[in-house]
Every structure is written in structure tokens, then in C-alpha cells.
Amino acid sequence: MNSRLYSLPSFFLLLILLTTSSCEDNSDPVLPSPTIDNVEIGSGNNHIGVIGRDFHLNADIVAGSKIDVVQVKIEQLAEETYSSDWDFELTWNQFKGVKNANVHQHFDIPQDAVEGKYNFFIIVIDENGTILEEKAEIELIHPSNLAVDPLLYIWMITTDQGDFHYINEDLQNPTNVDFSKGEILNSDVSISNVKGDGKIYLLLIRKDQDHLPESVDAIDFSKVIVYDYFTHENEEDVVSFGNVIYDGEGGFLRPAPEFEIGAVLDNNVPASDLTSGDNSWKSGGYYFGVVYTNSTFNISLHHYFELNVSGF
């Protein structure tokens, strides 16, 4: 028989190790927590909310187990001074039970919101009890205090087949719009209340691309057909800007470009893109959209309407 003798200190050390190992084996397992990625807060991720207007939020969430609820909270900063107390909370239950979710939401900043800088929280509560809290800072601004306030106030769409469609500042979209292969498209759009530097794109996008960019930087050119692109630069005063420039004598310094439905190349600048691959022409549902970004003041505008394309 082999025997092992332990001195008293060695015996107590072994006892401690065995006890620690036993406690670790009996501890609760660490539960996986949600993760968040591709967060965009505000138009073009500018972290600005305009009081009384639409606010953009995008985030890709992966649950540890499954999502229970997703919340946003807007809370005043302790170090800031405000004209009155105000906070905001919104909860979405439609993602419950989902493992992966793209949370692309638009909601209005309430009319009674108070101007200032705020903490903005995205909170994900997992069904397994874990909680993820993502914090950022945003600024809420009254529309009258914006440095620029771009607004789409006229958009005309015509074709060589006699079609005419019109959108004004009320943004009421035309219905039953149909373009056919070989039809020639012309479109004239104007945006008011801009200065500094800005870019505008007019885009045709197949619905099955599931791609509706809300700022110039968000455009995936492999998924869109560019009808037109134009810029303004170094505008010191607030002006109206459009893709058509009149000469004041009944003519044009820059007319609306003509574009054939089914063209092999689009009108992108500086080099046209092939309308092939993911953005190839197909019969079916499309969006026609205006996307404008003012890079000087980091504010964007977008608007889309639905149409049908046939003949492919």
C-alpha cells in the first residue's frame, strides 16, 4: 500500500483548492448577452433630432437567446441647463421572440420636446434576462433654429409618351405610375432652404433590392440606377437648389437629362454605371427617389414614390 503524508499547511492548501473548484462547478452559467451593430442615430447618422419631425434609427441586433423588447430613451444630461424638464421613452414589442433583427424605425420627436443635448439609449432586453444598453449623445433642435432646413417643394416627372406626374411640398405621391421599356424619362426637382455644399441624386431602385437610402453616403450604387446627380458648392446665402438651371430667357443652362428606360448605362457622375448585375432592368415594382445631403451642415432629405416598369 502506498501512503501519502501531508504536512498541515499542505493539507489546508489542498482543502481550499478543492472547495474553490467545487464552488466554481456549482455556479450559475454565464448567459449570452445581446449585441448591436450598424447603429445609425438620426438622418445620415448625424445624431440630430428636429423637434416635431421624423427621427431615423437603425440597428442590427443579435439576441443572446431571443429578443424580448427593444426600447429607446432620451434623457437630459445632468451637466446641461434646460428650459424645462423633459424626457422620452418608446418601446417596440414586434421583435419579441426573434434571434436577429434589423431595427429600422422612424418616429416623431414630440412637439413638446425641449431643445438641448441629451443621452440617447438603445436598450435590448433578452428573454434570458440579460440586458444590453447602448448610449450615445444627440441634440434636439427646433426647426426655426436649424442652420439649413432642406425641403422638397417641387418634383416633376414627364416622359415622351405624354406622362406627367407632380409632387409638391405636401409630398402627396402620384399613383398608377407606369414606365415602359424604351420610354424617355425627364425629371426636374427643387429643394429649398439650403446653403454651403450639397449633393442630390435621383434614383430608380427595384423593390426587390430592399434598399431605400436616406442619405447620399448610404447609397449602394450596385443596387440603384442613377437618373441624375448634381451639386451645389459654397452657397453663402440660403437658396433653392435643383437639378435644372434656367437661363432666364426661356431656355436652360442645365436641362433635365433625358434617360431611356432600359438604357445600358445610367447617368452617374463622373462615370456612368452599367445597368447589369444586381441593378439590372426587370419588369415589376420600382421606387423613384430623391436623396439629398448637405455636407456642410450634416443634414439630409429623402423622398420616394412607387411605380411599375414593364417590357423586360
C-alpha atoms as a PDB file:
ATOM      1  CA  MET A   1       0.000   0.000   0.000  1.00  0.00           C
ATOM      2  CA  ASN A   2       1.286   3.353  -0.926  1.00  0.00           C
ATOM      3  CA  SER A   3       0.591   6.115   1.521  1.00  0.00           C
ATOM      4  CA  ARG A   4       0.964   9.887   1.130  1.00  0.00           C
ATOM      5  CA  LEU A   5       1.533  12.106   4.098  1.00  0.00           C
ATOM      6  CA  TYR A   6       0.670  15.846   4.003  1.00  0.00           C
ATOM      7  CA  SER A   7       2.050  18.378   6.316  1.00  0.00           C
ATOM      8  CA  LEU A   8      -0.640  20.525   7.954  1.00  0.00           C
ATOM      9  CA  PRO A   9      -0.129  23.569   5.662  1.00  0.00           C
ATOM     10  CA  SER A  10      -0.229  21.392   2.558  1.00  0.00           C
ATOM     11  CA  PHE A  11      -3.435  19.742   3.732  1.00  0.00           C
ATOM     12  CA  PHE A  12      -5.204  23.084   4.211  1.00  0.00           C
ATOM     13  CA  LEU A  13      -3.997  24.301   0.801  1.00  0.00           C
ATOM     14  CA  LEU A  14      -5.454  21.191  -0.852  1.00  0.00           C
ATOM     15  CA  LEU A  15      -8.738  21.686   1.018  1.00  0.00           C
ATOM     16  CA  ILE A  16      -9.005  25.283  -0.211  1.00  0.00           C
ATOM     17  CA  LEU A  17      -8.340  24.253  -3.816  1.00  0.00           C
ATOM     18  CA  LEU A  18     -10.951  21.513  -3.665  1.00  0.00           C
ATOM     19  CA  THR A  19     -13.506  23.868  -2.105  1.00  0.00           C
ATOM     20  CA  THR A  20     -12.889  26.576  -4.725  1.00  0.00           C
ATOM     21  CA  SER A  21     -13.208  24.071  -7.568  1.00  0.00           C
ATOM     22  CA  SER A  22     -16.453  22.781  -6.095  1.00  0.00           C
ATOM     23  CA  CYS A  23     -17.900  26.303  -5.853  1.00  0.00           C
ATOM     24  CA  GLU A  24     -16.972  27.080  -9.450  1.00  0.00           C
ATOM     25  CA  ASP A  25     -18.604  23.893 -10.669  1.00  0.00           C
ATOM     26  CA  ASN A  26     -21.870  24.810  -8.914  1.00  0.00           C
ATOM     27  CA  SER A  27     -22.005  28.468 -10.038  1.00  0.00           C
ATOM     28  CA  ASP A  28     -24.682  29.732 -12.434  1.00  0.00           C
ATOM     29  CA  PRO A  29     -23.695  29.640 -16.118  1.00  0.00           C
ATOM     30  CA  VAL A  30     -22.863  32.952 -17.792  1.00  0.00           C
ATOM     31  CA  LEU A  31     -25.769  33.794 -20.097  1.00  0.00           C
ATOM     32  CA  PRO A  32     -25.052  35.194 -23.564  1.00  0.00           C
ATOM     33  CA  SER A  33     -25.997  38.870 -23.917  1.00  0.00           C
ATOM     34  CA  PRO A  34     -27.412  40.705 -26.948  1.00  0.00           C
ATOM     35  CA  THR A  35     -25.067  42.510 -29.336  1.00  0.00           C
ATOM     36  CA  ILE A  36     -25.696  45.553 -31.511  1.00  0.00           C
ATOM     37  CA  ASP A  37     -24.061  46.733 -34.738  1.00  0.00           C
ATOM     38  CA  ASN A  38     -24.535  49.162 -37.653  1.00  0.00           C
ATOM     39  CA  VAL A  39     -26.140  51.781 -35.440  1.00  0.00           C
ATOM     40  CA  GLU A  40     -27.460  54.927 -37.154  1.00  0.00           C
ATOM     41  CA  ILE A  41     -28.969  57.633 -34.962  1.00  0.00           C
ATOM     42  CA  GLY A  42     -30.656  60.455 -36.842  1.00  0.00           C
ATOM     43  CA  SER A  43     -30.655  61.247 -40.561  1.00  0.00           C
ATOM     44  CA  GLY A  44     -27.346  60.166 -42.043  1.00  0.00           C
ATOM     45  CA  ASN A  45     -26.268  59.198 -38.501  1.00  0.00           C
ATOM     46  CA  ASN A  46     -25.967  62.907 -37.628  1.00  0.00           C
ATOM     47  CA  HIS A  47     -27.257  62.484 -34.034  1.00  0.00           C
ATOM     48  CA  ILE A  48     -29.672  65.393 -34.545  1.00  0.00           C
ATOM     49  CA  GLY A  49     -33.391  65.291 -33.825  1.00  0.00           C
ATOM     50  CA  VAL A  50     -35.645  68.014 -35.192  1.00  0.00           C
ATOM     51  CA  ILE A  51     -38.500  68.750 -32.804  1.00  0.00           C
ATOM     52  CA  GLY A  52     -41.867  67.800 -34.281  1.00  0.00           C
ATOM     53  CA  ARG A  53     -40.333  65.856 -37.154  1.00  0.00           C
ATOM     54  CA  ASP A  54     -39.357  62.340 -38.140  1.00  0.00           C
ATOM     55  CA  PHE A  55     -36.340  60.733 -36.460  1.00  0.00           C
ATOM     56  CA  HIS A  56     -34.379  57.867 -38.019  1.00  0.00           C
ATOM     57  CA  LEU A  57     -32.951  54.919 -36.090  1.00  0.00           C
ATOM     58  CA  ASN A  58     -31.251  51.822 -37.470  1.00  0.00           C
ATOM     59  CA  ALA A  59     -29.525  48.994 -35.597  1.00  0.00           C
ATOM     60  CA  ASP A  60     -28.738  45.330 -36.238  1.00  0.00           C
ATOM     61  CA  ILE A  61     -29.389  43.304 -33.084  1.00  0.00           C
ATOM     62  CA  VAL A  62     -28.447  39.715 -32.301  1.00  0.00           C
ATOM     63  CA  ALA A  63     -30.024  38.332 -29.134  1.00  0.00           C
ATOM     64  CA  GLY A  64     -28.210  36.158 -26.625  1.00  0.00           C
ATOM     65  CA  SER A  65     -31.280  33.903 -26.633  1.00  0.00           C
ATOM     66  CA  LYS A  66     -34.251  35.745 -28.183  1.00  0.00           C
ATOM     67  CA  ILE A  67     -35.309  39.380 -28.073  1.00  0.00           C
ATOM     68  CA  ASP A  68     -37.967  40.302 -25.530  1.00  0.00           C
ATOM     69  CA  VAL A  69     -38.347  44.063 -26.125  1.00  0.00           C
ATOM     70  CA  VAL A  70     -36.395  46.917 -27.689  1.00  0.00           C
ATOM     71  CA  GLN A  71     -36.589  50.381 -26.163  1.00  0.00           C
ATOM     72  CA  VAL A  72     -35.240  53.865 -26.762  1.00  0.00           C
ATOM     73  CA  LYS A  73     -34.946  56.506 -24.071  1.00  0.00           C
ATOM     74  CA  ILE A  74     -33.977  60.151 -24.346  1.00  0.00           C
ATOM     75  CA  GLU A  75     -32.827  61.666 -21.054  1.00  0.00           C
ATOM     76  CA  GLN A  76     -31.482  65.071 -20.143  1.00  0.00           C
ATOM     77  CA  LEU A  77     -27.806  65.398 -19.263  1.00  0.00           C
ATOM     78  CA  ALA A  78     -27.004  66.260 -15.664  1.00  0.00           C
ATOM     79  CA  GLU A  79     -24.458  68.888 -16.684  1.00  0.00           C
ATOM     80  CA  GLU A  80     -26.763  70.724 -19.141  1.00  0.00           C
ATOM     81  CA  THR A  81     -29.280  73.506 -18.463  1.00  0.00           C
ATOM     82  CA  TYR A  82     -32.762  73.214 -19.987  1.00  0.00           C
ATOM     83  CA  SER A  83     -35.785  75.480 -20.107  1.00  0.00           C
ATOM     84  CA  SER A  84     -37.890  72.714 -18.503  1.00  0.00           C
ATOM     85  CA  ASP A  85     -37.808  69.025 -17.632  1.00  0.00           C
ATOM     86  CA  TRP A  86     -38.475  66.621 -20.491  1.00  0.00           C
ATOM     87  CA  ASP A  87     -37.674  63.019 -21.335  1.00  0.00           C
ATOM     88  CA  PHE A  88     -38.948  60.400 -23.737  1.00  0.00           C
ATOM     89  CA  GLU A  89     -39.376  56.624 -23.885  1.00  0.00           C
ATOM     90  CA  LEU A  90     -40.578  54.325 -26.639  1.00  0.00           C
ATOM     91  CA  THR A  91     -40.922  50.522 -26.588  1.00  0.00           C
ATOM     92  CA  TRP A  92     -41.231  48.115 -29.536  1.00  0.00           C
ATOM     93  CA  ASN A  93     -42.674  44.653 -28.923  1.00  0.00           C
ATOM     94  CA  GLN A  94     -42.742  43.472 -32.539  1.00  0.00           C
ATOM     95  CA  PHE A  95     -39.255  41.972 -32.290  1.00  0.00           C
ATOM     96  CA  LYS A  96     -40.187  39.613 -29.434  1.00  0.00           C
ATOM     97  CA  GLY A  97     -39.081  36.024 -29.996  1.00  0.00           C
ATOM     98  CA  VAL A  98     -36.636  36.921 -32.779  1.00  0.00           C
ATOM     99  CA  LYS A  99     -32.950  35.999 -32.661  1.00  0.00           C
ATOM    100  CA  ASN A 100     -31.706  38.526 -35.270  1.00  0.00           C
ATOM    101  CA  ALA A 101     -33.458  41.794 -36.063  1.00  0.00           C
ATOM    102  CA  ASN A 102     -32.813  44.869 -38.168  1.00  0.00           C
ATOM    103  CA  VAL A 103     -34.429  47.611 -36.114  1.00  0.00           C
ATOM    104  CA  HIS A 104     -35.118  50.296 -38.730  1.00  0.00           C
ATOM    105  CA  GLN A 105     -37.607  52.647 -37.147  1.00  0.00           C
ATOM    106  CA  HIS A 106     -38.897  56.161 -37.718  1.00  0.00           C
ATOM    107  CA  PHE A 107     -40.697  58.096 -35.023  1.00  0.00           C
ATOM    108  CA  ASP A 108     -41.542  61.739 -34.413  1.00  0.00           C
ATOM    109  CA  ILE A 109     -39.694  63.828 -31.864  1.00  0.00           C
ATOM    110  CA  PRO A 110     -42.652  65.198 -29.835  1.00  0.00           C
ATOM    111  CA  GLN A 111     -43.688  68.814 -30.264  1.00  0.00           C
ATOM    112  CA  ASP A 112     -43.206  69.457 -26.534  1.00  0.00           C
ATOM    113  CA  ALA A 113     -39.556  68.345 -26.580  1.00  0.00           C
ATOM    114  CA  VAL A 114     -37.070  70.814 -25.106  1.00  0.00           C
ATOM    115  CA  GLU A 115     -34.030  71.915 -27.095  1.00  0.00           C
ATOM    116  CA  GLY A 116     -30.636  70.751 -25.896  1.00  0.00           C
ATOM    117  CA  LYS A 117     -28.189  67.862 -25.762  1.00  0.00           C
ATOM    118  CA  TYR A 118     -29.397  64.509 -24.432  1.00  0.00           C
ATOM    119  CA  ASN A 119     -28.351  60.971 -23.657  1.00  0.00           C
ATOM    120  CA  PHE A 120     -29.895  58.594 -26.177  1.00  0.00           C
ATOM    121  CA  PHE A 121     -30.238  54.979 -25.043  1.00  0.00           C
ATOM    122  CA  ILE A 122     -30.989  51.884 -27.109  1.00  0.00           C
ATOM    123  CA  ILE A 123     -31.991  49.117 -24.706  1.00  0.00           C
ATOM    124  CA  VAL A 124     -32.402  45.463 -25.667  1.00  0.00           C
ATOM    125  CA  ILE A 125     -33.958  43.121 -23.088  1.00  0.00           C
ATOM    126  CA  ASP A 126     -33.300  39.469 -23.825  1.00  0.00           C
ATOM    127  CA  GLU A 127     -35.725  36.675 -22.956  1.00  0.00           C
ATOM    128  CA  ASN A 128     -32.900  35.086 -20.957  1.00  0.00           C
ATOM    129  CA  GLY A 129     -32.863  38.113 -18.638  1.00  0.00           C
ATOM    130  CA  THR A 130     -29.728  39.839 -19.918  1.00  0.00           C
ATOM    131  CA  ILE A 131     -29.883  43.498 -20.935  1.00  0.00           C
ATOM    132  CA  LEU A 132     -27.849  45.485 -23.451  1.00  0.00           C
ATOM    133  CA  GLU A 133     -27.716  49.270 -23.160  1.00  0.00           C
ATOM    134  CA  GLU A 134     -26.105  51.335 -25.920  1.00  0.00           C
ATOM    135  CA  LYS A 135     -25.631  55.038 -25.093  1.00  0.00           C
ATOM    136  CA  ALA A 136     -24.935  57.977 -27.406  1.00  0.00           C
ATOM    137  CA  GLU A 137     -25.402  61.733 -27.310  1.00  0.00           C
ATOM    138  CA  ILE A 138     -27.897  63.565 -29.510  1.00  0.00           C
ATOM    139  CA  GLU A 139     -29.045  67.155 -29.901  1.00  0.00           C
ATOM    140  CA  LEU A 140     -32.684  68.207 -30.232  1.00  0.00           C
ATOM    141  CA  ILE A 141     -33.229  71.384 -32.276  1.00  0.00           C
ATOM    142  CA  HIS A 142     -36.349  73.385 -33.078  1.00  0.00           C
ATOM    143  CA  PRO A 143     -36.848  73.735 -36.866  1.00  0.00           C
ATOM    144  CA  SER A 144     -36.581  77.543 -36.609  1.00  0.00           C
ATOM    145  CA  ASN A 145     -33.052  77.184 -35.225  1.00  0.00           C
ATOM    146  CA  LEU A 146     -31.660  74.907 -37.955  1.00  0.00           C
ATOM    147  CA  ALA A 147     -28.773  76.373 -39.936  1.00  0.00           C
ATOM    148  CA  VAL A 148     -30.378  74.882 -43.058  1.00  0.00           C
ATOM    149  CA  ASP A 149     -33.752  73.215 -43.412  1.00  0.00           C
ATOM    150  CA  PRO A 150     -33.888  71.440 -46.786  1.00  0.00           C
ATOM    151  CA  LEU A 151     -37.422  70.813 -48.026  1.00  0.00           C
ATOM    152  CA  LEU A 152     -38.555  69.212 -51.266  1.00  0.00           C
ATOM    153  CA  TYR A 153     -41.029  71.686 -52.727  1.00  0.00           C
ATOM    154  CA  ILE A 154     -41.404  70.651 -56.364  1.00  0.00           C
ATOM    155  CA  TRP A 155     -40.730  67.446 -58.300  1.00  0.00           C
ATOM    156  CA  MET A 156     -41.985  66.917 -61.833  1.00  0.00           C
ATOM    157  CA  ILE A 157     -41.738  63.691 -63.834  1.00  0.00           C
ATOM    158  CA  THR A 158     -42.558  63.533 -67.544  1.00  0.00           C
ATOM    159  CA  THR A 159     -41.992  61.085 -70.407  1.00  0.00           C
ATOM    160  CA  ASP A 160     -42.070  61.267 -74.197  1.00  0.00           C
ATOM    161  CA  GLN A 161     -45.314  59.252 -74.064  1.00  0.00           C
ATOM    162  CA  GLY A 162     -47.191  62.165 -72.511  1.00  0.00           C
ATOM    163  CA  ASP A 163     -46.994  61.092 -68.875  1.00  0.00           C
ATOM    164  CA  PHE A 164     -46.924  63.888 -66.299  1.00  0.00           C
ATOM    165  CA  HIS A 165     -46.607  63.476 -62.542  1.00  0.00           C
ATOM    166  CA  TYR A 166     -46.146  66.128 -59.897  1.00  0.00           C
ATOM    167  CA  ILE A 167     -45.149  66.196 -56.221  1.00  0.00           C
ATOM    168  CA  ASN A 168     -45.186  69.413 -54.177  1.00  0.00           C
ATOM    169  CA  GLU A 169     -44.214  70.299 -50.612  1.00  0.00           C
ATOM    170  CA  ASP A 170     -47.215  68.341 -49.296  1.00  0.00           C
ATOM    171  CA  LEU A 171     -45.402  65.191 -50.517  1.00  0.00           C
ATOM    172  CA  GLN A 172     -48.542  63.514 -51.823  1.00  0.00           C
ATOM    173  CA  ASN A 173     -47.255  60.804 -54.141  1.00  0.00           C
ATOM    174  CA  PRO A 174     -48.700  60.083 -57.586  1.00  0.00           C
ATOM    175  CA  THR A 175     -50.359  56.706 -58.093  1.00  0.00           C
ATOM    176  CA  ASN A 176     -50.566  54.264 -61.016  1.00  0.00           C
ATOM    177  CA  VAL A 177     -47.234  55.398 -62.457  1.00  0.00           C
ATOM    178  CA  ASP A 178     -46.012  53.107 -65.246  1.00  0.00           C
ATOM    179  CA  PHE A 179     -42.796  53.319 -67.241  1.00  0.00           C
ATOM    180  CA  SER A 180     -42.189  51.001 -70.192  1.00  0.00           C
ATOM    181  CA  LYS A 181     -39.016  49.872 -71.930  1.00  0.00           C
ATOM    182  CA  GLY A 182     -37.815  52.486 -74.419  1.00  0.00           C
ATOM    183  CA  GLU A 183     -39.768  55.350 -72.822  1.00  0.00           C
ATOM    184  CA  ILE A 184     -37.750  58.562 -72.337  1.00  0.00           C
ATOM    185  CA  LEU A 185     -37.811  59.973 -68.799  1.00  0.00           C
ATOM    186  CA  ASN A 186     -37.285  63.604 -67.752  1.00  0.00           C
ATOM    187  CA  SER A 187     -37.390  64.769 -64.140  1.00  0.00           C
ATOM    188  CA  ASP A 188     -36.997  68.205 -62.542  1.00  0.00           C
ATOM    189  CA  VAL A 189     -36.606  68.508 -58.741  1.00  0.00           C
ATOM    190  CA  SER A 190     -36.048  71.532 -56.478  1.00  0.00           C
ATOM    191  CA  ILE A 191     -35.121  71.747 -52.806  1.00  0.00           C
ATOM    192  CA  SER A 192     -35.467  74.927 -50.756  1.00  0.00           C
ATOM    193  CA  ASN A 193     -33.597  76.311 -47.737  1.00  0.00           C
ATOM    194  CA  VAL A 194     -30.059  75.150 -48.492  1.00  0.00           C
ATOM    195  CA  LYS A 195     -26.618  76.732 -48.402  1.00  0.00           C
ATOM    196  CA  GLY A 196     -22.999  75.616 -48.196  1.00  0.00           C
ATOM    197  CA  ASP A 197     -22.245  72.352 -50.042  1.00  0.00           C
ATOM    198  CA  GLY A 198     -24.756  69.682 -51.025  1.00  0.00           C
ATOM    199  CA  LYS A 199     -25.396  66.761 -53.378  1.00  0.00           C
ATOM    200  CA  ILE A 200     -28.579  65.412 -54.911  1.00  0.00           C
ATOM    201  CA  TYR A 201     -29.274  62.047 -56.549  1.00  0.00           C
ATOM    202  CA  LEU A 202     -32.384  60.892 -58.379  1.00  0.00           C
ATOM    203  CA  LEU A 203     -32.534  57.104 -58.244  1.00  0.00           C
ATOM    204  CA  LEU A 204     -34.528  54.254 -59.753  1.00  0.00           C
ATOM    205  CA  ILE A 205     -34.431  51.214 -57.471  1.00  0.00           C
ATOM    206  CA  ARG A 206     -36.076  47.824 -57.889  1.00  0.00           C
ATOM    207  CA  LYS A 207     -38.282  46.975 -54.933  1.00  0.00           C
ATOM    208  CA  ASP A 208     -36.685  43.564 -54.525  1.00  0.00           C
ATOM    209  CA  GLN A 209     -33.366  45.268 -53.707  1.00  0.00           C
ATOM    210  CA  ASP A 210     -34.842  46.302 -50.336  1.00  0.00           C
ATOM    211  CA  HIS A 211     -32.651  49.406 -50.468  1.00  0.00           C
ATOM    212  CA  LEU A 212     -34.040  52.876 -49.762  1.00  0.00           C
ATOM    213  CA  PRO A 213     -31.063  55.066 -48.787  1.00  0.00           C
ATOM    214  CA  GLU A 214     -31.883  58.117 -46.690  1.00  0.00           C
ATOM    215  CA  SER A 215     -28.606  59.988 -47.233  1.00  0.00           C
ATOM    216  CA  VAL A 216     -26.029  60.212 -50.020  1.00  0.00           C
ATOM    217  CA  ASP A 217     -23.436  58.257 -48.024  1.00  0.00           C
ATOM    218  CA  ALA A 218     -25.919  55.395 -47.609  1.00  0.00           C
ATOM    219  CA  ILE A 219     -26.380  54.805 -51.369  1.00  0.00           C
ATOM    220  CA  ASP A 220     -25.203  51.387 -52.578  1.00  0.00           C
ATOM    221  CA  PHE A 221     -24.547  52.089 -56.250  1.00  0.00           C
ATOM    222  CA  SER A 222     -24.598  48.391 -57.099  1.00  0.00           C
ATOM    223  CA  LYS A 223     -28.330  48.397 -56.274  1.00  0.00           C
ATOM    224  CA  VAL A 224     -29.507  51.629 -57.901  1.00  0.00           C
ATOM    225  CA  ILE A 225     -29.869  53.204 -61.341  1.00  0.00           C
ATOM    226  CA  VAL A 226     -28.870  56.868 -61.286  1.00  0.00           C
ATOM    227  CA  TYR A 227     -31.175  59.116 -63.291  1.00  0.00           C
ATOM    228  CA  ASP A 228     -29.316  62.299 -62.293  1.00  0.00           C
ATOM    229  CA  TYR A 229     -26.641  63.727 -59.985  1.00  0.00           C
ATOM    230  CA  PHE A 230     -25.931  67.394 -59.251  1.00  0.00           C
ATOM    231  CA  THR A 231     -24.201  69.516 -56.601  1.00  0.00           C
ATOM    232  CA  HIS A 232     -24.080  72.999 -55.140  1.00  0.00           C
ATOM    233  CA  GLU A 233     -20.954  74.453 -53.540  1.00  0.00           C
ATOM    234  CA  ASN A 234     -20.026  77.408 -51.339  1.00  0.00           C
ATOM    235  CA  GLU A 235     -23.507  78.915 -51.251  1.00  0.00           C
ATOM    236  CA  GLU A 236     -23.219  81.705 -48.676  1.00  0.00           C
ATOM    237  CA  ASP A 237     -26.928  82.580 -48.603  1.00  0.00           C
ATOM    238  CA  VAL A 238     -29.948  80.333 -48.188  1.00  0.00           C
ATOM    239  CA  VAL A 239     -31.133  79.398 -51.684  1.00  0.00           C
ATOM    240  CA  SER A 240     -33.302  76.949 -53.592  1.00  0.00           C
ATOM    241  CA  PHE A 241     -31.381  74.261 -55.432  1.00  0.00           C
ATOM    242  CA  GLY A 242     -32.392  71.930 -58.224  1.00  0.00           C
ATOM    243  CA  ASN A 243     -31.066  69.745 -60.986  1.00  0.00           C
ATOM    244  CA  VAL A 244     -32.333  72.147 -63.687  1.00  0.00           C
ATOM    245  CA  ILE A 245     -30.905  75.655 -64.240  1.00  0.00           C
ATOM    246  CA  TYR A 246     -32.838  78.157 -66.349  1.00  0.00           C
ATOM    247  CA  ASP A 247     -31.112  80.893 -68.361  1.00  0.00           C
ATOM    248  CA  GLY A 248     -33.822  83.487 -67.714  1.00  0.00           C
ATOM    249  CA  GLU A 249     -34.687  83.715 -71.381  1.00  0.00           C
ATOM    250  CA  GLY A 250     -36.901  80.676 -71.716  1.00  0.00           C
ATOM    251  CA  GLY A 251     -34.013  78.241 -72.127  1.00  0.00           C
ATOM    252  CA  PHE A 252     -31.734  76.199 -69.933  1.00  0.00           C
ATOM    253  CA  LEU A 253     -28.180  76.378 -68.717  1.00  0.00           C
ATOM    254  CA  ARG A 254     -28.718  72.820 -67.468  1.00  0.00           C
ATOM    255  CA  PRO A 255     -31.828  70.986 -68.680  1.00  0.00           C
ATOM    256  CA  ALA A 256     -33.228  67.864 -67.081  1.00  0.00           C
ATOM    257  CA  PRO A 257     -31.359  64.950 -68.636  1.00  0.00           C
ATOM    258  CA  GLU A 258     -33.158  62.546 -70.920  1.00  0.00           C
ATOM    259  CA  PHE A 259     -32.960  58.923 -69.862  1.00  0.00           C
ATOM    260  CA  GLU A 260     -34.240  55.849 -71.637  1.00  0.00           C
ATOM    261  CA  ILE A 261     -35.935  53.176 -69.557  1.00  0.00           C
ATOM    262  CA  GLY A 262     -33.763  50.158 -70.317  1.00  0.00           C
ATOM    263  CA  ALA A 263     -30.559  52.138 -71.014  1.00  0.00           C
ATOM    264  CA  VAL A 264     -27.361  50.108 -70.755  1.00  0.00           C
ATOM    265  CA  LEU A 265     -25.601  52.908 -68.837  1.00  0.00           C
ATOM    266  CA  ASP A 266     -27.104  55.171 -66.193  1.00  0.00           C
ATOM    267  CA  ASN A 267     -26.381  58.885 -65.645  1.00  0.00           C
ATOM    268  CA  ASN A 268     -23.989  58.609 -62.728  1.00  0.00           C
ATOM    269  CA  VAL A 269     -21.127  61.125 -62.499  1.00  0.00           C
ATOM    270  CA  PRO A 270     -18.215  61.162 -63.168  1.00  0.00           C
ATOM    271  CA  ALA A 271     -18.610  57.758 -64.821  1.00  0.00           C
ATOM    272  CA  SER A 272     -21.825  56.003 -65.791  1.00  0.00           C
ATOM    273  CA  ASP A 273     -22.602  52.631 -64.229  1.00  0.00           C
ATOM    274  CA  LEU A 274     -23.735  49.598 -66.167  1.00  0.00           C
ATOM    275  CA  THR A 275     -27.348  48.647 -65.526  1.00  0.00           C
ATOM    276  CA  SER A 276     -26.471  44.996 -65.075  1.00  0.00           C
ATOM    277  CA  GLY A 277     -25.983  42.569 -62.230  1.00  0.00           C
ATOM    278  CA  ASP A 278     -27.926  43.438 -59.095  1.00  0.00           C
ATOM    279  CA  ASN A 279     -29.304  46.664 -60.582  1.00  0.00           C
ATOM    280  CA  SER A 280     -30.272  45.221 -63.975  1.00  0.00           C
ATOM    281  CA  TRP A 281     -33.616  46.180 -65.504  1.00  0.00           C
ATOM    282  CA  LYS A 282     -36.553  43.896 -64.763  1.00  0.00           C
ATOM    283  CA  SER A 283     -40.282  44.190 -65.140  1.00  0.00           C
ATOM    284  CA  GLY A 284     -42.001  44.841 -61.835  1.00  0.00           C
ATOM    285  CA  GLY A 285     -42.148  47.270 -58.940  1.00  0.00           C
ATOM    286  CA  TYR A 286     -39.661  50.110 -58.563  1.00  0.00           C
ATOM    287  CA  TYR A 287     -39.102  53.182 -56.439  1.00  0.00           C
ATOM    288  CA  PHE A 288     -38.149  56.563 -57.864  1.00  0.00           C
ATOM    289  CA  GLY A 289     -36.387  58.628 -55.232  1.00  0.00           C
ATOM    290  CA  VAL A 290     -34.700  61.909 -54.391  1.00  0.00           C
ATOM    291  CA  VAL A 291     -31.773  61.752 -51.942  1.00  0.00           C
ATOM    292  CA  TYR A 292     -30.076  64.994 -50.875  1.00  0.00           C
ATOM    293  CA  THR A 293     -27.307  65.540 -48.314  1.00  0.00           C
ATOM    294  CA  ASN A 294     -25.946  68.872 -47.169  1.00  0.00           C
ATOM    295  CA  SER A 295     -22.367  68.035 -46.195  1.00  0.00           C
ATOM    296  CA  THR A 296     -21.696  71.456 -44.648  1.00  0.00           C
ATOM    297  CA  PHE A 297     -24.425  71.096 -42.023  1.00  0.00           C
ATOM    298  CA  ASN A 298     -24.717  67.285 -41.974  1.00  0.00           C
ATOM    299  CA  ILE A 299     -28.416  67.113 -42.744  1.00  0.00           C
ATOM    300  CA  SER A 300     -30.225  65.011 -45.362  1.00  0.00           C
ATOM    301  CA  LEU A 301     -33.557  64.711 -47.138  1.00  0.00           C
ATOM    302  CA  HIS A 302     -35.119  61.801 -48.997  1.00  0.00           C
ATOM    303  CA  HIS A 303     -38.412  61.023 -50.673  1.00  0.00           C
ATOM    304  CA  TYR A 304     -39.643  58.031 -52.720  1.00  0.00           C
ATOM    305  CA  PHE A 305     -42.724  57.012 -54.660  1.00  0.00           C
ATOM    306  CA  GLU A 306     -43.697  53.675 -56.173  1.00  0.00           C
ATOM    307  CA  LEU A 307     -44.037  52.872 -59.865  1.00  0.00           C
ATOM    308  CA  ASN A 308     -44.166  49.931 -62.228  1.00  0.00           C
ATOM    309  CA  VAL A 309     -41.718  49.130 -65.045  1.00  0.00           C
ATOM    310  CA  SER A 310     -42.706  46.824 -67.910  1.00  0.00           C
ATOM    311  CA  GLY A 311     -41.280  45.370 -71.111  1.00  0.00           C
ATOM    312  CA  PHE A 312     -38.330  43.353 -69.764  1.00  0.00           C
END
